Amino acid sequence: MKTKSPFNDESRWQAVLDRDQTADGQFVFAVQTTGIYCRPSCRARHALRQNVRFYVDADAAENAGFRACKRCQPDKADPQQQRTHKVAAACRLLEQERTLTLDELAREVGVSAYHFHRMFKSVTGMTPKAWQQAWRARRLRETLASSDSVTDAVLAAGFPASSSYYRKADSSLGMTAKQYRRGGDDLPVRFTLASCSLGRCLVAASSRGICAVLPGDNDETLLRELEQIFPHAQREKADQAFSQLVAEVIAVLDGKHSTVQLPLDIRGTAFQQQVWQALRDIPTGETRSYQQVAQSINKPKAVRAVASACAANKLALLIPCHRVVRQSGALSGYRWGEARKAQLLRRETKQEG
């Protein structure tokens, strides 16, 4: 039984003008002068409003004497749903131990390698290779605690038994598998404290790069936050050689530079990294809503998960979660305080104005 559509003719026409993909499957529109019916998202040239009629589905349009558009194929399954099913099938293949080439994956789902690569990235936000590495890293985290040895865990997670793939497992975890198995208890993290326009700031780095940028009101609070983030690491004050790196980070915090040319140690789940990359793509002086960020990574229903990923960010400004606001444009929660968020947005707007 079909549910009642939330659209009226006025909103249906607006969806057609907007070529709104979210309206596909809710209704079809037909053009009396051509005898053709289409999806709301059809890319064909718009007809005059007085020549357009709306129907609940393809059957209703065909019963009224219209034929399906060959371009958008409204009588067939939703193209986005077809793409999603193909990508889901590819993901199941990528979960196998054997590493498949791009050509092999494309053949399995019945599309060209070029089209498959674009389709996979548009749905997941990642390349097939990156997705498989992220999946194996998650499996590795799950198996390290229960396996008899690190090697057993690496193999159980799907990493082939070779040093090159073992290094990829290391990179996926942000530390060696042995360190992760011991809770990261011997992972060295250097840090220093400095003043910036946002107050006090703690900058920390691992052997892989900057791993935390934490603005705050006082040093004691910042040190406690660092301990919470890296509870088992060997936290040690940085030497003078670290001061130049800190100067670059402080320049970003103070608005003197928009980017930092330093390696970053970005640790998070595959989803969090998708969100954080989307945040880094937001231009300076602009904002996005949580809904817009979710849509940009092709997960429009994951609004709350996007908000959680923003809250989990440990690299203030370097991953600009302050540029995400509510749908209304109002400021929402910020890990380092809404006053700092407002200050940052005012400064960036002024810079771009």
Foldseek 3Di string as FASTA:
>chain_A
DDDQAPDDPVVLVVLLVVLPLVCQLQKWKAFQVVLEIAGSNFPDDDDDPVRIDIGRADVVSVVVPGYYDPRHRRVDPHPLVLLVVLLVVLVVVLQDLDDDDLQRSCVVSPHGSVVNQVSNCLAQVDGSVVSSLLQLLVQLLVCLQPDPDSQVSSVVSNQDPDPVSQVSNCLQQLHHSVCVSVLVQAFEKEWDWDAAPLAIWIWIAGPQWTEFIDDAHDDVVVVVVVCVVRVRYHYDYDDPVCVVVVVQLRCCVNVVDQAGPIGYSDHDHSVLVSLLVLQQVADQLAAEELQVSCVSSNRNVCSVVSVVSQLPDRYDSNSPSLRYDHPVRHRDDHNHDVVSSVVRNVVRNVVVD
